PDB file of N, CA and C in Angstrom:
ATOM      1  N   MET A   1     112.533  83.857 115.844  1.00  0.00           N
ATOM      2  CA  MET A   1     111.284  83.764 115.106  1.00  0.00           C
ATOM      3  C   MET A   1     111.298  84.674 114.083  1.00  0.00           C
ATOM      4  N   GLU A   2     112.531  85.799 114.143  1.00  0.00           N
ATOM      5  CA  GLU A   2     113.513  87.055 112.988  1.00  0.00           C
ATOM      6  C   GLU A   2     113.541  85.416 112.427  1.00  0.00           C
ATOM      7  N   PHE A   3     113.994  85.095 112.760  1.00  0.00           N
ATOM      8  CA  PHE A   3     115.165  84.407 110.707  1.00  0.00           C
ATOM      9  C   PHE A   3     113.273  83.825 110.462  1.00  0.00           C
ATOM     10  N   ILE A   4     112.134  82.856 111.567  1.00  0.00           N
ATOM     11  CA  ILE A   4     110.863  82.406 109.649  1.00  0.00           C
ATOM     12  C   ILE A   4     111.268  83.675 109.567  1.00  0.00           C
ATOM     13  N   ILE A   5     110.890  84.700 109.582  1.00  0.00           N
ATOM     14  CA  ILE A   5     109.986  86.206 109.353  1.00  0.00           C
ATOM     15  C   ILE A   5     110.912  86.687 107.901  1.00  0.00           C
ATOM     16  N   LEU A   6     111.975  86.538 108.065  1.00  0.00           N
ATOM     17  CA  LEU A   6     112.829  86.829 107.421  1.00  0.00           C
ATOM     18  C   LEU A   6     112.815  85.748 106.182  1.00  0.00           C
ATOM     19  N   ILE A   7     113.460  84.536 105.923  1.00  0.00           N
ATOM     20  CA  ILE A   7     112.697  83.507 105.116  1.00  0.00           C
ATOM     21  C   ILE A   7     111.262  84.061 104.985  1.00  0.00           C
ATOM     22  N   LEU A   8     110.209  84.462 105.322  1.00  0.00           N
ATOM     23  CA  LEU A   8     109.043  84.953 104.282  1.00  0.00           C
ATOM     24  C   LEU A   8     109.088  85.789 104.334  1.00  0.00           C
ATOM     25  N   ALA A   9     109.747  86.575 104.001  1.00  0.00           N
ATOM     26  CA  ALA A   9     109.496  88.197 103.449  1.00  0.00           C
ATOM     27  C   ALA A   9     110.252  87.651 102.355  1.00  0.00           C
ATOM     28  N   GLY A  10     111.262  87.033 102.437  1.00  0.00           N
ATOM     29  CA  GLY A  10     112.126  86.062 100.960  1.00  0.00           C
ATOM     30  C   GLY A  10     111.433  85.782 100.022  1.00  0.00           C
ATOM     31  N   ILE A  11     110.429  84.667 100.813  1.00  0.00           N
ATOM     32  CA  ILE A  11     109.519  84.402  99.734  1.00  0.00           C
ATOM     33  C   ILE A  11     108.994  85.324  99.010  1.00  0.00           C
ATOM     34  N   LEU A  12     107.294  86.544 100.167  1.00  0.00           N
ATOM     35  CA  LEU A  12     107.774  87.333  99.376  1.00  0.00           C
ATOM     36  C   LEU A  12     108.272  87.927  97.973  1.00  0.00           C
ATOM     37  N   PHE A  13     109.765  88.610  98.692  1.00  0.00           N
ATOM     38  CA  PHE A  13     110.247  88.860  97.963  1.00  0.00           C
ATOM     39  C   PHE A  13     110.355  88.660  95.663  1.00  0.00           C
ATOM     40  N   ALA A  14     110.767  86.603  95.922  1.00  0.00           N
ATOM     41  CA  ALA A  14     110.603  86.535  94.862  1.00  0.00           C
ATOM     42  C   ALA A  14     109.005  85.487  94.016  1.00  0.00           C
ATOM     43  N   ALA A  15     108.264  85.553  95.557  1.00  0.00           N
ATOM     44  CA  ALA A  15     106.713  85.574  94.304  1.00  0.00           C
ATOM     45  C   ALA A  15     107.298  87.285  93.991  1.00  0.00           C
ATOM     46  N   ALA A  16     107.255  87.838  94.336  1.00  0.00           N
ATOM     47  CA  ALA A  16     106.644  89.592  93.526  1.00  0.00           C
ATOM     48  C   ALA A  16     108.050  89.217  92.399  1.00  0.00           C
ATOM     49  N   ILE A  17     108.369  89.189  93.035  1.00  0.00           N
ATOM     50  CA  ILE A  17     109.241  89.656  91.194  1.00  0.00           C
ATOM     51  C   ILE A  17     109.400  88.189  90.468  1.00  0.00           C
ATOM     52  N   TYR A  18     108.296  87.390  90.809  1.00  0.00           N
ATOM     53  CA  TYR A  18     108.039  86.294  89.382  1.00  0.00           C
ATOM     54  C   TYR A  18     106.932  86.824  88.885  1.00  0.00           C
ATOM     55  N   ASN A  19     105.771  87.634  90.178  1.00  0.00           N
ATOM     56  CA  ASN A  19     103.952  88.345  89.262  1.00  0.00           C
ATOM     57  C   ASN A  19     105.079  89.742  88.656  1.00  0.00           C
ATOM     58  N   LEU A  20     106.198  90.537  89.149  1.00  0.00           N
ATOM     59  CA  LEU A  20     106.511  91.185  88.488  1.00  0.00           C
ATOM     60  C   LEU A  20     106.985  91.086  87.535  1.00  0.00           C
ATOM     61  N   LEU A  21     107.579  89.833  86.382  1.00  0.00           N
ATOM     62  CA  LEU A  21     108.289  89.566  85.147  1.00  0.00           C
ATOM     63  C   LEU A  21     107.316  89.012  84.345  1.00  0.00           C
ATOM     64  N   GLN A  22     106.235  88.576  84.690  1.00  0.00           N
ATOM     65  CA  GLN A  22     105.037  88.200  83.737  1.00  0.00           C
ATOM     66  C   GLN A  22     104.388  89.380  82.381  1.00  0.00           C
ATOM     67  N   LYS A  23     103.517  88.606  82.110  1.00  0.00           N
ATOM     68  CA  LYS A  23     102.507  89.727  80.595  1.00  0.00           C
ATOM     69  C   LYS A  23     101.804  90.145  80.403  1.00  0.00           C
ATOM     70  N   GLN A  24     100.589  89.678  82.229  1.00  0.00           N
ATOM     71  CA  GLN A  24      99.168  90.097  82.779  1.00  0.00           C
ATOM     72  C   GLN A  24      99.609  91.493  83.689  1.00  0.00           C
ATOM     73  N   LEU A  25      98.383  92.381  83.594  1.00  0.00           N
ATOM     74  CA  LEU A  25      98.780  93.483  83.917  1.00  0.00           C
ATOM     75  C   LEU A  25      98.265  93.283  85.508  1.00  0.00           C
ATOM     76  N   LEU A  26      97.198  92.328  85.892  1.00  0.00           N
ATOM     77  CA  LEU A  26      96.385  92.460  86.907  1.00  0.00           C
ATOM     78  C   LEU A  26      98.051  91.278  88.170  1.00  0.00           C
ATOM     79  N   ARG A  27      98.654  89.691  87.365  1.00  0.00           N
ATOM     80  CA  ARG A  27      99.912  89.783  87.859  1.00  0.00           C
ATOM     81  C   ARG A  27     101.026  91.319  88.153  1.00  0.00           C
ATOM     82  N   LEU A  28     100.879  92.078  88.262  1.00  0.00           N
ATOM     83  CA  LEU A  28     102.260  93.000  88.494  1.00  0.00           C
ATOM     84  C   LEU A  28     101.159  94.098  89.162  1.00  0.00           C
ATOM     85  N   VAL A  29      99.548  94.397  89.024  1.00  0.00           N
ATOM     86  CA  VAL A  29      99.116  94.871  90.492  1.00  0.00           C
ATOM     87  C   VAL A  29      99.818  94.099  91.675  1.00  0.00           C
ATOM     88  N   ILE A  30      99.852  92.277  91.306  1.00  0.00           N
ATOM     89  CA  ILE A  30      99.769  91.043  92.633  1.00  0.00           C
ATOM     90  C   ILE A  30     101.579  91.149  92.721  1.00  0.00           C
ATOM     91  N   GLY A  31     102.130  91.590  92.412  1.00  0.00           N
ATOM     92  CA  GLY A  31     104.175  91.408  91.753  1.00  0.00           C
ATOM     93  C   GLY A  31     103.965  92.798  93.094  1.00  0.00           C
ATOM     94  N   SER A  32     103.623  94.016  92.525  1.00  0.00           N
ATOM     95  CA  SER A  32     104.404  95.013  93.715  1.00  0.00           C
ATOM     96  C   SER A  32     103.883  94.829  94.844  1.00  0.00           C
ATOM     97  N   VAL A  33     102.290  94.135  95.003  1.00  0.00           N
ATOM     98  CA  VAL A  33     101.604  94.289  96.146  1.00  0.00           C
ATOM     99  C   VAL A  33     102.885  93.144  97.474  1.00  0.00           C
ATOM    100  N   LEU A  34     102.737  91.780  96.837  1.00  0.00           N
ATOM    101  CA  LEU A  34     103.403  91.319  97.239  1.00  0.00           C
ATOM    102  C   LEU A  34     105.455  91.888  98.077  1.00  0.00           C
ATOM    103  N   LEU A  35     105.430  92.289  97.311  1.00  0.00           N
ATOM    104  CA  LEU A  35     106.597  93.228  97.291  1.00  0.00           C
ATOM    105  C   LEU A  35     106.810  94.241  98.443  1.00  0.00           C
ATOM    106  N   SER A  36     105.684  95.885  98.506  1.00  0.00           N
ATOM    107  CA  SER A  36     105.178  95.971  99.521  1.00  0.00           C
ATOM    108  C   SER A  36     104.894  95.729 100.570  1.00  0.00           C
ATOM    109  N   HIS A  37     104.474  94.207 100.571  1.00  0.00           N
ATOM    110  CA  HIS A  37     104.571  93.383 102.049  1.00  0.00           C
ATOM    111  C   HIS A  37     105.361  92.440 102.111  1.00  0.00           C
ATOM    112  N   GLY A  38     106.664  92.529 101.705  1.00  0.00           N
ATOM    113  CA  GLY A  38     107.562  91.745 102.336  1.00  0.00           C
ATOM    114  C   GLY A  38     108.619  92.762 102.663  1.00  0.00           C
ATOM    115  N   ALA A  39     108.874  93.770 101.627  1.00  0.00           N
ATOM    116  CA  ALA A  39     108.921  95.409 102.448  1.00  0.00           C
ATOM    117  C   ALA A  39     108.714  95.514 104.276  1.00  0.00           C
ATOM    118  N   HIS A  40     107.599  95.129 103.750  1.00  0.00           N
ATOM    119  CA  HIS A  40     107.042  96.395 105.454  1.00  0.00           C
ATOM    120  C   HIS A  40     107.342  94.992 106.607  1.00  0.00           C
ATOM    121  N   LEU A  41     107.959  93.355 106.508  1.00  0.00           N
ATOM    122  CA  LEU A  41     108.353  92.326 107.274  1.00  0.00           C
ATOM    123  C   LEU A  41     109.548  92.809 107.543  1.00  0.00           C
ATOM    124  N   PHE A  42     110.987  92.975 106.273  1.00  0.00           N
ATOM    125  CA  PHE A  42     111.443  92.875 106.100  1.00  0.00           C
ATOM    126  C   PHE A  42     112.094  94.845 107.270  1.00  0.00           C
ATOM    127  N   ILE A  43     111.367  95.120 107.834  1.00  0.00           N
ATOM    128  CA  ILE A  43     111.990  96.403 108.187  1.00  0.00           C
ATOM    129  C   ILE A  43     111.211  96.478 109.303  1.00  0.00           C
ATOM    130  N   LEU A  44     110.157  95.227 109.923  1.00  0.00           N
ATOM    131  CA  LEU A  44     109.991  95.387 111.488  1.00  0.00           C
ATOM    132  C   LEU A  44     110.505  93.646 111.991  1.00  0.00           C
ATOM    133  N   THR A  45     111.675  93.319 111.134  1.00  0.00           N
ATOM    134  CA  THR A  45     112.962  92.188 111.574  1.00  0.00           C
ATOM    135  C   THR A  45     113.462  92.822 111.375  1.00  0.00           C
ATOM    136  N   MET A  46     113.448  93.568 110.605  1.00  0.00           N
ATOM    137  CA  MET A  46     115.557  94.390 111.768  1.00  0.00           C
ATOM    138  C   MET A  46     115.570  95.957 112.205  1.00  0.00           C
ATOM    139  N   GLY A  47     113.842  95.891 112.541  1.00  0.00           N
ATOM    140  CA  GLY A  47     113.854  96.772 114.082  1.00  0.00           C
ATOM    141  C   GLY A  47     113.774  95.647 115.342  1.00  0.00           C
ATOM    142  N   LYS A  48     114.006  94.742 114.839  1.00  0.00           N
ATOM    143  CA  LYS A  48     114.456  93.408 116.397  1.00  0.00           C
ATOM    144  C   LYS A  48     113.138  93.732 116.778  1.00  0.00           C
ATOM    145  N   LEU A  49     112.917  92.037 116.675  1.00  0.00           N
ATOM    146  CA  LEU A  49     111.751  92.234 117.823  1.00  0.00           C
ATOM    147  C   LEU A  49     111.792  92.593 119.189  1.00  0.00           C
ATOM    148  N   LYS A  50     111.538  93.128 119.907  1.00  0.00           N
ATOM    149  CA  LYS A  50     112.084  93.174 121.858  1.00  0.00           C
ATOM    150  C   LYS A  50     110.682  93.332 122.203  1.00  0.00           C
ATOM    151  N   ARG A  51     110.425  92.249 122.756  1.00  0.00           N
ATOM    152  CA  ARG A  51     109.333  92.588 123.287  1.00  0.00           C
ATOM    153  C   ARG A  51     109.104  93.983 125.105  1.00  0.00           C
ATOM    154  N   GLY A  52     108.965  94.412 125.122  1.00  0.00           N
ATOM    155  CA  GLY A  52     108.446  96.159 126.114  1.00  0.00           C
ATOM    156  C   GLY A  52     107.406  96.607 126.317  1.00  0.00           C
ATOM    157  N   SER A  53     107.944  97.422 127.357  1.00  0.00           N
ATOM    158  CA  SER A  53     106.331  98.197 127.274  1.00  0.00           C
ATOM    159  C   SER A  53     106.219  98.855 126.362  1.00  0.00           C
ATOM    160  N   PRO A  54     105.130  99.211 126.090  1.00  0.00           N
ATOM    161  CA  PRO A  54     104.788 100.761 125.832  1.00  0.00           C
ATOM    162  C   PRO A  54     105.915 101.856 125.547  1.00  0.00           C
ATOM    163  N   PRO A  55     106.071 102.690 124.529  1.00  0.00           N
ATOM    164  CA  PRO A  55     107.349 103.686 124.580  1.00  0.00           C
ATOM    165  C   PRO A  55     107.056 105.314 125.722  1.00  0.00           C
ATOM    166  N   ILE A  56     106.379 104.683 126.737  1.00  0.00           N
ATOM    167  CA  ILE A  56     105.723 105.699 127.699  1.00  0.00           C
ATOM    168  C   ILE A  56     106.390 105.890 128.813  1.00  0.00           C
ATOM    169  N   LEU A  57     107.230 106.779 129.152  1.00  0.00           N
ATOM    170  CA  LEU A  57     107.985 107.174 130.575  1.00  0.00           C
ATOM    171  C   LEU A  57     107.381 106.463 132.038  1.00  0.00           C
ATOM    172  N   SER A  58     107.001 105.897 132.687  1.00  0.00           N
ATOM    173  CA  SER A  58     107.096 105.932 133.452  1.00  0.00           C
ATOM    174  C   SER A  58     108.279 104.686 135.217  1.00  0.00           C
ATOM    175  N   ASP A  59     107.469 104.383 136.283  1.00  0.00           N
ATOM    176  CA  ASP A  59     108.671 104.138 137.183  1.00  0.00           C
ATOM    177  C   ASP A  59     108.359 103.051 137.099  1.00  0.00           C
ATOM    178  N   GLY A  60     109.505 101.829 137.063  1.00  0.00           N
ATOM    179  CA  GLY A  60     109.781 100.250 137.310  1.00  0.00           C
ATOM    180  C   GLY A  60     109.718 100.352 135.830  1.00  0.00           C
ATOM    181  N   VAL A  61     109.882 100.733 134.369  1.00  0.00           N
ATOM    182  CA  VAL A  61     109.857 100.245 133.483  1.00  0.00           C
ATOM    183  C   VAL A  61     111.612 100.348 132.883  1.00  0.00           C
ATOM    184  N   GLU A  62     111.933  99.251 132.477  1.00  0.00           N
ATOM    185  CA  GLU A  62     113.784  98.926 131.711  1.00  0.00           C
ATOM    186  C   GLU A  62     113.714  99.341 130.396  1.00  0.00           C
ATOM    187  N   ASN A  63     112.349  98.121 129.628  1.00  0.00           N
ATOM    188  CA  ASN A  63     112.248  97.419 128.530  1.00  0.00           C
ATOM    189  C   ASN A  63     111.247  98.905 127.830  1.00  0.00           C
ATOM    190  N   TYR A  64     112.265  99.370 126.522  1.00  0.00           N
ATOM    191  CA  TYR A  64     110.403  99.043 126.706  1.00  0.00           C
ATOM    192  C   TYR A  64     111.735  99.040 125.235  1.00  0.00           C
ATOM    193  N   THR A  65     109.831  99.284 123.779  1.00  0.00           N
ATOM    194  CA  THR A  65     110.569  98.973 121.930  1.00  0.00           C
ATOM    195  C   THR A  65     110.978  99.910 121.854  1.00  0.00           C
ATOM    196  N   ASP A  66     110.538  99.505 120.640  1.00  0.00           N
ATOM    197  CA  ASP A  66     111.299 100.774 119.662  1.00  0.00           C
ATOM    198  C   ASP A  66     109.715 101.080 118.303  1.00  0.00           C
ATOM    199  N   PRO A  67     108.732 102.647 118.603  1.00  0.00           N
ATOM    200  CA  PRO A  67     108.349 102.685 118.059  1.00  0.00           C
ATOM    201  C   PRO A  67     108.560 102.786 116.187  1.00  0.00           C
ATOM    202  N   LEU A  68     110.046 103.821 116.457  1.00  0.00           N
ATOM    203  CA  LEU A  68     110.613 103.539 114.722  1.00  0.00           C
ATOM    204  C   LEU A  68     109.735 102.473 113.928  1.00  0.00           C
ATOM    205  N   PRO A  69     111.042 101.548 114.313  1.00  0.00           N
ATOM    206  CA  PRO A  69     109.586 100.335 113.051  1.00  0.00           C
ATOM    207  C   PRO A  69     108.218 100.555 112.809  1.00  0.00           C
ATOM    208  N   GLN A  70     107.264 100.288 114.140  1.00  0.00           N
ATOM    209  CA  GLN A  70     106.497  99.957 113.710  1.00  0.00           C
ATOM    210  C   GLN A  70     105.795 101.514 113.271  1.00  0.00           C
ATOM    211  N   ALA A  71     106.033 103.125 113.741  1.00  0.00           N
ATOM    212  CA  ALA A  71     105.483 104.181 112.726  1.00  0.00           C
ATOM    213  C   ALA A  71     105.394 103.769 110.548  1.00  0.00           C
ATOM    214  N   LEU A  72     107.253 103.371 110.684  1.00  0.00           N
ATOM    215  CA  LEU A  72     107.803 103.448 109.259  1.00  0.00           C
ATOM    216  C   LEU A  72     106.543 102.241 108.618  1.00  0.00           C
ATOM    217  N   ILE A  73     106.658 101.206 109.299  1.00  0.00           N
ATOM    218  CA  ILE A  73     106.007 100.245 108.566  1.00  0.00           C
ATOM    219  C   ILE A  73     103.819 101.232 108.305  1.00  0.00           C
ATOM    220  N   LEU A  74     103.443 101.991 109.156  1.00  0.00           N
ATOM    221  CA  LEU A  74     102.349 102.230 109.213  1.00  0.00           C
ATOM    222  C   LEU A  74     102.113 102.846 107.749  1.00  0.00           C
ATOM    223  N   THR A  75     103.119 103.713 107.519  1.00  0.00           N
ATOM    224  CA  THR A  75     104.043 104.700 106.319  1.00  0.00           C
ATOM    225  C   THR A  75     103.195 104.556 105.231  1.00  0.00           C
ATOM    226  N   SER A  76     103.724 103.042 104.978  1.00  0.00           N
ATOM    227  CA  SER A  76     104.587 101.991 104.763  1.00  0.00           C
ATOM    228  C   SER A  76     103.629 101.831 103.783  1.00  0.00           C
ATOM    229  N   ILE A  77     101.841 101.058 104.208  1.00  0.00           N
ATOM    230  CA  ILE A  77     101.030 101.305 104.735  1.00  0.00           C
ATOM    231  C   ILE A  77     100.147 101.618 103.935  1.00  0.00           C
ATOM    232  N   VAL A  78     100.123 102.709 104.476  1.00  0.00           N
ATOM    233  CA  VAL A  78      99.221 103.376 103.578  1.00  0.00           C
ATOM    234  C   VAL A  78      99.614 103.831 102.170  1.00  0.00           C
ATOM    235  N   ILE A  79     101.211 105.026 102.204  1.00  0.00           N
ATOM    236  CA  ILE A  79     101.904 103.865 100.780  1.00  0.00           C
ATOM    237  C   ILE A  79     101.846 103.662 100.262  1.00  0.00           C
ATOM    238  N   SER A  80     101.616 102.736 100.496  1.00  0.00           N
ATOM    239  CA  SER A  80     101.256 101.105  99.423  1.00  0.00           C
ATOM    240  C   SER A  80     100.146 100.470  98.959  1.00  0.00           C
ATOM    241  N   PHE A  81      99.101 101.136 100.126  1.00  0.00           N
ATOM    242  CA  PHE A  81      97.636 100.405  99.564  1.00  0.00           C
ATOM    243  C   PHE A  81      97.275 101.629  98.425  1.00  0.00           C
ATOM    244  N   GLY A  82      97.732 103.405  98.418  1.00  0.00           N
ATOM    245  CA  GLY A  82      97.088 104.378  97.996  1.00  0.00           C
ATOM    246  C   GLY A  82      98.129 103.843  95.947  1.00  0.00           C
ATOM    247  N   ILE A  83      99.697 103.486  96.434  1.00  0.00           N
ATOM    248  CA  ILE A  83     100.205 103.158  94.949  1.00  0.00           C
ATOM    249  C   ILE A  83      98.622 101.841  94.510  1.00  0.00           C
ATOM    250  N   THR A  84      98.522 101.186  94.884  1.00  0.00           N
ATOM    251  CA  THR A  84      97.514  99.774  94.556  1.00  0.00           C
ATOM    252  C   THR A  84      96.488  99.152  94.354  1.00  0.00           C
ATOM    253  N   SER A  85      95.978 100.777  94.076  1.00  0.00           N
ATOM    254  CA  SER A  85      94.679 101.631  93.502  1.00  0.00           C
ATOM    255  C   SER A  85      94.698 102.156  92.853  1.00  0.00           C
ATOM    256  N   LEU A  86      96.443 103.010  92.888  1.00  0.00           N
ATOM    257  CA  LEU A  86      96.069 103.708  91.840  1.00  0.00           C
ATOM    258  C   LEU A  86      96.418 102.331  90.972  1.00  0.00           C
ATOM    259  N   LEU A  87      97.236 101.275  90.622  1.00  0.00           N
ATOM    260  CA  LEU A  87      97.809 100.377  89.398  1.00  0.00           C
ATOM    261  C   LEU A  87      96.827  99.629  89.265  1.00  0.00           C
ATOM    262  N   LEU A  88      95.695  99.300  90.093  1.00  0.00           N
ATOM    263  CA  LEU A  88      94.880  99.141  89.860  1.00  0.00           C
ATOM    264  C   LEU A  88      93.430  99.946  89.100  1.00  0.00           C
ATOM    265  N   VAL A  89      93.445 101.295  89.313  1.00  0.00           N
ATOM    266  CA  VAL A  89      92.684 101.863  88.112  1.00  0.00           C
ATOM    267  C   VAL A  89      93.417 101.872  87.275  1.00  0.00           C
ATOM    268  N   LEU A  90      94.405 102.096  87.351  1.00  0.00           N
ATOM    269  CA  LEU A  90      95.124 102.192  85.722  1.00  0.00           C
ATOM    270  C   LEU A  90      95.251 100.594  84.732  1.00  0.00           C
ATOM    271  N   ALA A  91      95.445  99.519  85.491  1.00  0.00           N
ATOM    272  CA  ALA A  91      94.414  98.723  85.082  1.00  0.00           C
ATOM    273  C   ALA A  91      93.744  98.249  84.450  1.00  0.00           C
ATOM    274  N   TYR A  92      92.550  98.275  84.729  1.00  0.00           N
ATOM    275  CA  TYR A  92      91.351  98.407  85.285  1.00  0.00           C
ATOM    276  C   TYR A  92      91.747  99.543  84.014  1.00  0.00           C
ATOM    277  N   ARG A  93      91.388 100.757  83.179  1.00  0.00           N
ATOM    278  CA  ARG A  93      91.517 101.376  83.068  1.00  0.00           C
ATOM    279  C   ARG A  93      91.393 100.437  81.589  1.00  0.00           C
ATOM    280  N   THR A  94      92.838 100.357  81.597  1.00  0.00           N
ATOM    281  CA  THR A  94      93.563 100.458  79.980  1.00  0.00           C
ATOM    282  C   THR A  94      93.692  99.015  79.377  1.00  0.00           C
ATOM    283  N   THR A  95      92.512  97.899  80.326  1.00  0.00           N
ATOM    284  CA  THR A  95      92.321  96.988  79.777  1.00  0.00           C
ATOM    285  C   THR A  95      90.852  97.000  78.768  1.00  0.00           C
ATOM    286  N   GLU A  96      89.857  98.187  80.087  1.00  0.00           N
ATOM    287  CA  GLU A  96      88.580  98.134  79.319  1.00  0.00           C
ATOM    288  C   GLU A  96      88.840  99.060  77.830  1.00  0.00           C
ATOM    289  N   GLU A  97      90.075  99.965  77.948  1.00  0.00           N
ATOM    290  CA  GLU A  97      90.434 101.387  76.408  1.00  0.00           C
ATOM    291  C   GLU A  97      91.451  99.639  75.410  1.00  0.00           C
ATOM    292  N   ASN A  98      91.657  99.231  76.434  1.00  0.00           N
ATOM    293  CA  ASN A  98      92.460  97.840  75.087  1.00  0.00           C
ATOM    294  C   ASN A  98      91.947  96.594  74.788  1.00  0.00           C
ATOM    295  N   ASP A  99      91.279  96.568  75.318  1.00  0.00           N
ATOM    296  CA  ASP A  99      90.646  94.710  75.257  1.00  0.00           C
ATOM    297  C   ASP A  99      91.414  93.798  75.677  1.00  0.00           C
ATOM    298  N   THR A 100      92.414  94.155  75.691  1.00  0.00           N
ATOM    299  CA  THR A 100      93.487  93.115  76.425  1.00  0.00           C
ATOM    300  C   THR A 100      94.595  93.762  77.320  1.00  0.00           C
ATOM    301  N   ASP A 101      94.362  92.467  78.595  1.00  0.00           N
ATOM    302  CA  ASP A 101      95.793  93.037  79.094  1.00  0.00           C
ATOM    303  C   ASP A 101      97.772  92.545  79.424  1.00  0.00           C
ATOM    304  N   ASN A 102      97.325  91.513  78.127  1.00  0.00           N
ATOM    305  CA  ASN A 102      98.982  91.816  78.148  1.00  0.00           C
ATOM    306  C   ASN A 102      99.672  92.288  77.441  1.00  0.00           C
ATOM    307  N   MET A 103     100.648  92.254  78.202  1.00  0.00           N
ATOM    308  CA  MET A 103     101.909  93.518  77.892  1.00  0.00           C
ATOM    309  C   MET A 103     102.524  93.085  76.143  1.00  0.00           C
ATOM    310  N   GLU A 104     102.798  92.012  75.800  1.00  0.00           N
ATOM    311  CA  GLU A 104     102.932  92.586  74.752  1.00  0.00           C
ATOM    312  C   GLU A 104     102.308  92.782  73.960  1.00  0.00           C
ATOM    313  N   GLN A 105     100.712  92.515  73.400  1.00  0.00           N
ATOM    314  CA  GLN A 105      99.534  93.219  73.316  1.00  0.00           C
ATOM    315  C   GLN A 105      99.632  94.926  72.799  1.00  0.00           C
ATOM    316  N   LEU A 106     100.139  95.027  73.911  1.00  0.00           N
ATOM    317  CA  LEU A 106      99.841  96.534  74.661  1.00  0.00           C
ATOM    318  C   LEU A 106     100.734  97.208  74.163  1.00  0.00           C
ATOM    319  N   ARG A 107     101.949  96.750  74.105  1.00  0.00           N
ATOM    320  CA  ARG A 107     103.315  97.068  73.393  1.00  0.00           C
ATOM    321  C   ARG A 107     103.236  97.234  71.215  1.00  0.00           C
ATOM    322  N   GLY A 108     101.891  96.531  71.372  1.00  0.00           N
ATOM    323  CA  GLY A 108     102.881  96.692  69.346  1.00  0.00           C
ATOM    324  C   GLY A 108     103.342  95.405  69.407  1.00  0.00           C
ATOM    325  N   ASN A 109     103.222  94.795  69.977  1.00  0.00           N
ATOM    326  CA  ASN A 109     104.148  92.555  69.353  1.00  0.00           C
ATOM    327  C   ASN A 109     103.848  92.177  69.769  1.00  0.00           C
ATOM    328  N   GLU A 110     103.019  91.677  68.569  1.00  0.00           N
ATOM    329  CA  GLU A 110     101.819  91.020  67.757  1.00  0.00           C
ATOM    330  C   GLU A 110     101.881  89.314  67.935  1.00  0.00           C
ATOM    331  N   ASN A 111     103.199  88.947  68.435  1.00  0.00           N
ATOM    332  CA  ASN A 111     104.219  87.719  68.555  1.00  0.00           C
ATOM    333  C   ASN A 111     104.033  87.764  69.971  1.00  0.00           C
ATOM    334  N   GLU A 112     103.687  86.523  69.974  1.00  0.00           N
ATOM    335  CA  GLU A 112     103.554  86.228  71.441  1.00  0.00           C
ATOM    336  C   GLU A 112     104.051  84.876  72.696  1.00  0.00           C
TER     337      GLU A 112
END
């Protein structure tokens, strides 16, 4: 199971890098979203997908799950949501001001 999730995280990283290398601003935002989702899966997999009881001390329970990867992922989701919303607003504002979302035209290079 962990191997499948690692492959999925790798596919997300590859798609993110492909989108980050494109010229359109929206693809840059999509690439950053895919990169953060790949990182979430990677953190979850590195925390080992153990099954067990919630980490509450009780009698007769020997296997507990580790809450640290889940807490890290939850924090990362909140941060990536904030970054994504900021990037979307910046991309929208840039497109409205300059009438283009092409990075080459925004840099001043007219050769496409």
